C-alpha atoms as a PDB file:
ATOM      1  CA  MET A   1       0.000   0.000   0.000  1.00  0.00           C
ATOM      2  CA  LYS A   2       1.383   3.391  -1.007  1.00  0.00           C
ATOM      3  CA  VAL A   3       1.879   6.125   1.579  1.00  0.00           C
ATOM      4  CA  ASP A   4      -0.919   8.171  -0.055  1.00  0.00           C
ATOM      5  CA  GLU A   5      -3.400   5.307   0.336  1.00  0.00           C
ATOM      6  CA  ARG A   6      -2.333   4.456   3.894  1.00  0.00           C
ATOM      7  CA  LEU A   7      -2.827   8.074   4.983  1.00  0.00           C
ATOM      8  CA  SER A   8      -6.281   8.248   3.400  1.00  0.00           C
ATOM      9  CA  THR A   9      -7.898   5.106   4.773  1.00  0.00           C
ATOM     10  CA  SER A  10     -10.726   5.628   7.239  1.00  0.00           C
ATOM     11  CA  LEU A  11     -10.817   9.410   6.847  1.00  0.00           C
ATOM     12  CA  PRO A  12     -14.292  10.975   6.666  1.00  0.00           C
ATOM     13  CA  VAL A  13     -15.356  12.126   3.200  1.00  0.00           C
ATOM     14  CA  PRO A  14     -17.079  15.542   3.181  1.00  0.00           C
ATOM     15  CA  SER A  15     -20.816  15.380   2.550  1.00  0.00           C
ATOM     16  CA  GLN A  16     -22.686  17.094  -0.270  1.00  0.00           C
ATOM     17  CA  GLU A  17     -23.965  19.613   2.286  1.00  0.00           C
ATOM     18  CA  VAL A  18     -20.413  20.477   3.380  1.00  0.00           C
ATOM     19  CA  LEU A  19     -19.286  20.771  -0.255  1.00  0.00           C
ATOM     20  CA  THR A  20     -22.180  23.190  -0.841  1.00  0.00           C
ATOM     21  CA  GLY A  21     -21.100  25.301   2.126  1.00  0.00           C
ATOM     22  CA  LEU A  22     -17.490  25.263   0.990  1.00  0.00           C
ATOM     23  CA  GLY A  23     -18.427  26.281  -2.540  1.00  0.00           C
ATOM     24  CA  ALA A  24     -20.407  29.208  -1.129  1.00  0.00           C
ATOM     25  CA  PHE A  25     -17.135  30.978  -0.275  1.00  0.00           C
ATOM     26  CA  ALA A  26     -16.215  31.213  -3.980  1.00  0.00           C
ATOM     27  CA  ASP A  27     -18.104  34.429  -4.747  1.00  0.00           C
ATOM     28  CA  THR A  28     -16.856  36.275  -1.663  1.00  0.00           C
ATOM     29  CA  PHE A  29     -13.222  35.307  -2.216  1.00  0.00           C
ATOM     30  CA  ALA A  30     -13.402  36.075  -5.960  1.00  0.00           C
ATOM     31  CA  SER A  31     -14.664  39.621  -5.441  1.00  0.00           C
ATOM     32  CA  PRO A  32     -12.152  42.255  -6.608  1.00  0.00           C
ATOM     33  CA  TRP A  33     -12.724  44.063  -3.291  1.00  0.00           C
ATOM     34  CA  PHE A  34     -12.032  41.020  -1.116  1.00  0.00           C
ATOM     35  CA  ARG A  35      -8.838  40.977   0.952  1.00  0.00           C
ATOM     36  CA  PHE A  36      -7.902  37.804   2.785  1.00  0.00           C
ATOM     37  CA  GLY A  37      -6.210  39.841   5.471  1.00  0.00           C
ATOM     38  CA  ARG A  38      -3.337  42.207   6.064  1.00  0.00           C
ATOM     39  CA  TRP A  39       0.061  42.371   7.642  1.00  0.00           C
ATOM     40  CA  GLU A  40       0.191  44.218  10.930  1.00  0.00           C
ATOM     41  CA  ILE A  41       3.000  44.856  13.378  1.00  0.00           C
ATOM     42  CA  ALA A  42       2.013  41.748  15.351  1.00  0.00           C
ATOM     43  CA  GLY A  43       1.811  39.546  12.239  1.00  0.00           C
ATOM     44  CA  PHE A  44      -0.813  38.601   9.673  1.00  0.00           C
ATOM     45  CA  ALA A  45      -4.441  39.349  10.574  1.00  0.00           C
ATOM     46  CA  ASN A  46      -7.172  37.515   8.668  1.00  0.00           C
ATOM     47  CA  SER A  47     -10.244  39.406   7.515  1.00  0.00           C
ATOM     48  CA  PRO A  48     -13.555  38.462   9.168  1.00  0.00           C
ATOM     49  CA  ALA A  49     -14.550  36.486   6.040  1.00  0.00           C
ATOM     50  CA  ALA A  50     -11.248  34.574   6.122  1.00  0.00           C
ATOM     51  CA  ASN A  51     -11.836  33.755   9.789  1.00  0.00           C
ATOM     52  CA  ASP A  52     -15.376  32.589   8.935  1.00  0.00           C
ATOM     53  CA  PHE A  53     -13.927  30.292   6.272  1.00  0.00           C
ATOM     54  CA  VAL A  54     -11.389  28.767   8.679  1.00  0.00           C
ATOM     55  CA  GLN A  55     -14.088  28.288  11.322  1.00  0.00           C
ATOM     56  CA  PHE A  56     -16.369  26.671   8.729  1.00  0.00           C
ATOM     57  CA  CYS A  57     -13.605  24.208   7.892  1.00  0.00           C
ATOM     58  CA  TYR A  58     -13.092  23.276  11.551  1.00  0.00           C
ATOM     59  CA  ASP A  59     -16.830  23.082  12.298  1.00  0.00           C
ATOM     60  CA  ASN A  60     -17.545  20.859   9.296  1.00  0.00           C
ATOM     61  CA  GLY A  61     -14.693  18.378   9.527  1.00  0.00           C
ATOM     62  CA  LEU A  62     -12.635  19.814   6.688  1.00  0.00           C
ATOM     63  CA  VAL A  63      -9.638  20.056   8.995  1.00  0.00           C
ATOM     64  CA  LEU A  64      -9.118  16.341   9.393  1.00  0.00           C
ATOM     65  CA  GLN A  65      -8.248  14.864  12.762  1.00  0.00           C
ATOM     66  CA  GLU A  66      -6.072  11.752  12.965  1.00  0.00           C
ATOM     67  CA  PHE A  67      -4.451  12.733   9.666  1.00  0.00           C
ATOM     68  CA  ASP A  68      -0.696  13.135   9.303  1.00  0.00           C
ATOM     69  CA  TRP A  69      -0.875  16.192   7.066  1.00  0.00           C
ATOM     70  CA  ALA A  70       2.872  16.897   7.323  1.00  0.00           C
ATOM     71  CA  VAL A  71       3.643  13.517   5.766  1.00  0.00           C
ATOM     72  CA  TRP A  72       0.764  13.645   3.254  1.00  0.00           C
ATOM     73  CA  MET A  73       1.814  17.036   1.882  1.00  0.00           C
ATOM     74  CA  LYS A  74       5.027  15.403   0.606  1.00  0.00           C
ATOM     75  CA  THR A  75       3.253  12.575  -1.222  1.00  0.00           C
ATOM     76  CA  ASP A  76       2.835  12.323  -4.986  1.00  0.00           C
ATOM     77  CA  THR A  77      -0.892  12.950  -4.633  1.00  0.00           C
ATOM     78  CA  ALA A  78      -0.416  16.166  -2.685  1.00  0.00           C
ATOM     79  CA  GLN A  79       2.289  17.358  -5.065  1.00  0.00           C
ATOM     80  CA  MET A  80      -0.037  16.707  -7.993  1.00  0.00           C
ATOM     81  CA  PHE A  81      -2.443  19.311  -6.591  1.00  0.00           C
ATOM     82  CA  ARG A  82       0.016  22.194  -6.361  1.00  0.00           C
ATOM     83  CA  SER A  83      -1.722  24.072  -9.159  1.00  0.00           C
ATOM     84  CA  PRO A  84      -5.272  25.446  -9.292  1.00  0.00           C
ATOM     85  CA  ASP A  85      -5.936  23.703 -12.623  1.00  0.00           C
ATOM     86  CA  ALA A  86      -5.008  20.297 -11.195  1.00  0.00           C
ATOM     87  CA  ILE A  87      -7.384  20.825  -8.266  1.00  0.00           C
ATOM     88  CA  ARG A  88     -10.221  21.954 -10.542  1.00  0.00           C
ATOM     89  CA  SER A  89      -9.818  18.983 -12.857  1.00  0.00           C
ATOM     90  CA  GLY A  90      -9.168  16.105 -10.526  1.00  0.00           C
ATOM     91  CA  ALA A  91      -9.443  16.472  -6.750  1.00  0.00           C
ATOM     92  CA  ASP A  92     -12.102  14.403  -5.041  1.00  0.00           C
ATOM     93  CA  ALA A  93     -13.965  15.461  -1.893  1.00  0.00           C
ATOM     94  CA  LEU A  94     -11.524  13.759   0.482  1.00  0.00           C
ATOM     95  CA  GLN A  95      -8.539  15.297  -1.301  1.00  0.00           C
ATOM     96  CA  LEU A  96     -10.127  18.748  -0.899  1.00  0.00           C
ATOM     97  CA  ALA A  97     -10.343  18.114   2.845  1.00  0.00           C
ATOM     98  CA  GLN A  98      -6.740  16.910   2.888  1.00  0.00           C
ATOM     99  CA  LEU A  99      -5.586  20.023   1.032  1.00  0.00           C
ATOM    100  CA  LEU A 100      -7.533  22.292   3.378  1.00  0.00           C
ATOM    101  CA  THR A 101      -6.085  20.484   6.377  1.00  0.00           C
ATOM    102  CA  VAL A 102      -2.571  21.118   5.055  1.00  0.00           C
ATOM    103  CA  ALA A 103      -3.320  24.787   4.316  1.00  0.00           C
ATOM    104  CA  ILE A 104      -4.976  25.561   7.650  1.00  0.00           C
ATOM    105  CA  ARG A 105      -2.638  23.532   9.865  1.00  0.00           C
ATOM    106  CA  GLN A 106       0.450  24.821   8.042  1.00  0.00           C
ATOM    107  CA  ASN A 107      -0.761  28.362   8.649  1.00  0.00           C
ATOM    108  CA  ARG A 108      -0.148  27.806  12.371  1.00  0.00           C
ATOM    109  CA  PHE A 109       3.552  27.389  11.604  1.00  0.00           C
ATOM    110  CA  VAL A 110       3.931  29.778   8.662  1.00  0.00           C
ATOM    111  CA  GLU A 111       2.451  33.209   9.348  1.00  0.00           C
ATOM    112  CA  GLY A 112       0.343  34.293   6.391  1.00  0.00           C
ATOM    113  CA  GLY A 113       0.593  30.863   4.786  1.00  0.00           C
ATOM    114  CA  LEU A 114      -3.131  30.590   4.188  1.00  0.00           C
ATOM    115  CA  ASN A 115      -3.042  33.986   2.503  1.00  0.00           C
ATOM    116  CA  SER A 116      -0.499  32.511   0.075  1.00  0.00           C
ATOM    117  CA  TRP A 117      -2.969  29.758  -0.787  1.00  0.00           C
ATOM    118  CA  TYR A 118      -5.547  32.483  -1.469  1.00  0.00           C
ATOM    119  CA  GLU A 119      -3.193  34.633  -3.580  1.00  0.00           C
ATOM    120  CA  SER A 120      -2.038  31.646  -5.658  1.00  0.00           C
ATOM    121  CA  GLY A 121      -5.616  30.726  -6.551  1.00  0.00           C
ATOM    122  CA  LEU A 122      -5.498  27.396  -4.726  1.00  0.00           C
ATOM    123  CA  LEU A 123      -8.353  28.258  -2.344  1.00  0.00           C
ATOM    124  CA  GLN A 124     -10.535  29.497  -5.195  1.00  0.00           C
ATOM    125  CA  ALA A 125      -9.837  26.262  -7.079  1.00  0.00           C
ATOM    126  CA  ILE A 126     -10.887  24.271  -4.005  1.00  0.00           C
ATOM    127  CA  PHE A 127     -14.157  26.238  -3.785  1.00  0.00           C
ATOM    128  CA  GLU A 128     -14.845  25.726  -7.494  1.00  0.00           C
ATOM    129  CA  ARG A 129     -14.056  22.007  -7.321  1.00  0.00           C
ATOM    130  CA  ALA A 130     -16.363  21.636  -4.298  1.00  0.00           C
ATOM    131  CA  THR A 131     -19.150  23.209  -6.334  1.00  0.00           C
ATOM    132  CA  ALA A 132     -18.427  20.921  -9.295  1.00  0.00           C
ATOM    133  CA  LEU A 133     -18.410  17.808  -7.097  1.00  0.00           C
ATOM    134  CA  ARG A 134     -21.654  18.844  -5.453  1.00  0.00           C
ATOM    135  CA  SER A 135     -23.250  19.287  -8.878  1.00  0.00           C
ATOM    136  CA  ALA A 136     -21.980  15.959 -10.228  1.00  0.00           C
END
């Protein structure tokens, strides 16, 4: 069994309802007036909408417990999803949760890391893929 498969067994797959809620962030985050947050003297401060997104992920099981995200982020599967186009075209619901777990947990160690996911288009791709999966 590959490392990717071993790390993914018995993890909860997000429901259609959760995918709908996740996809709902797409319009807000795509707005030309939206700012994920800003740098302040004390560090990076998320906007209220960014905080709502992070809380949504925790409240709805999109930040996976019992998941070794630090190991998974180095796997071939995780590396495959380093571009927005790859996420849009191929991530399944569990992989979206795995990617969000990496992004949100990594942000605890890398100040402003989640903002980088936003600026690179990775978060928007996750929202769009959630909407596509919900519609499928």
